[in-house]
């Protein structure tokens, strides 16, 4: 079941572009938020893994003192 569709969304999340020009030229693709009517699982029905490019500009860190404490407690 289609929930929402967007013609153009950035392909990469958490990607830090070195310049404004590079960010504005970031690759975009169609996005279709779908949900399984039986289990409710939501996913991008237009997902294309060939568009992903992980390199030194990908940064998934979430600087947060709360999470650092939480992760430290889990590790202990």
Protein backbone atom coordinates (compact mmCIF):
# COMPACT_ATOMS: atom_id res chain seq x y z
CA UNK A 1 0.00 0.00 0.00
CA UNK A 2 1.45 3.38 -1.03
CA UNK A 3 1.47 5.89 1.84
CA UNK A 4 3.36 8.80 0.28
CA UNK A 5 5.34 9.47 -2.86
CA UNK A 6 7.93 12.11 -3.69
CA UNK A 7 9.36 12.62 -7.15
CA UNK A 8 12.76 13.79 -5.91
CA UNK A 9 14.49 13.17 -2.58
CA UNK A 10 18.20 13.04 -1.71
CA UNK A 11 19.53 9.51 -2.03
CA UNK A 12 21.99 9.65 0.88
CA UNK A 13 21.19 10.49 4.48
CA UNK A 14 24.04 11.48 6.84
CA UNK A 15 26.26 12.47 3.95
CA UNK A 16 28.38 15.58 4.55
CA UNK A 17 29.14 17.36 1.30
CA UNK A 18 32.38 19.35 1.16
CA UNK A 19 30.78 22.42 -0.46
CA UNK A 20 27.37 24.04 -0.90
CA UNK A 21 27.63 23.44 -4.64
CA UNK A 22 28.22 19.71 -4.08
CA UNK A 23 25.26 19.53 -1.67
CA UNK A 24 22.94 21.20 -4.16
CA UNK A 25 24.10 18.71 -6.81
CA UNK A 26 23.50 15.72 -4.49
CA UNK A 27 21.97 12.70 -6.24
CA UNK A 28 18.20 12.45 -5.86
CA UNK A 29 15.70 9.74 -6.76
CA UNK A 30 12.03 8.88 -6.55
CA UNK A 31 10.74 7.90 -3.09
CA UNK A 32 7.68 5.73 -2.42
CA UNK A 33 6.84 5.04 1.21
CA UNK A 34 5.01 1.73 1.12
CA UNK A 35 3.52 -0.35 3.93
CA UNK A 36 2.59 -4.00 4.03
CA UNK A 37 -1.16 -4.17 4.74
CA UNK A 38 -0.71 -7.41 6.70
CA UNK A 39 2.18 -6.60 9.07
CA UNK A 40 2.60 -2.82 8.73
CA UNK A 41 6.27 -3.02 7.71
CA UNK A 42 7.17 0.27 6.00
CA UNK A 43 9.80 0.58 3.27
CA UNK A 44 10.87 2.60 0.24
CA UNK A 45 9.31 0.78 -2.69
CA UNK A 46 11.54 2.73 -5.10
CA UNK A 47 14.78 1.87 -3.28
CA UNK A 48 17.74 1.34 -5.58
CA UNK A 49 20.94 0.24 -3.79
CA UNK A 50 23.01 1.07 -6.88
CA UNK A 51 22.50 4.78 -6.11
CA UNK A 52 24.23 4.59 -2.70
CA UNK A 53 27.84 5.67 -2.38
CA UNK A 54 29.55 5.30 0.98
CA UNK A 55 32.92 7.03 1.32
CA UNK A 56 34.78 9.35 3.72
CA UNK A 57 31.97 11.93 3.48
CA UNK A 58 29.37 9.59 5.00
CA UNK A 59 28.97 10.44 8.69
CA UNK A 60 26.43 8.51 10.76
CA UNK A 61 27.73 9.76 14.11
CA UNK A 62 25.17 11.30 16.43
CA UNK A 63 27.04 13.45 18.93
CA UNK A 64 24.95 13.21 22.09
CA UNK A 65 25.98 13.07 25.72
CA UNK A 66 22.80 11.14 26.49
CA UNK A 67 23.62 8.44 23.94
CA UNK A 68 27.26 8.29 25.05
CA UNK A 69 26.10 7.63 28.61
CA UNK A 70 23.57 5.07 27.41
CA UNK A 71 26.11 3.23 25.26
CA UNK A 72 28.64 3.33 28.12
CA UNK A 73 26.10 1.75 30.45
CA UNK A 74 25.36 -0.99 27.92
CA UNK A 75 29.08 -1.67 27.46
CA UNK A 76 29.62 -1.92 31.22
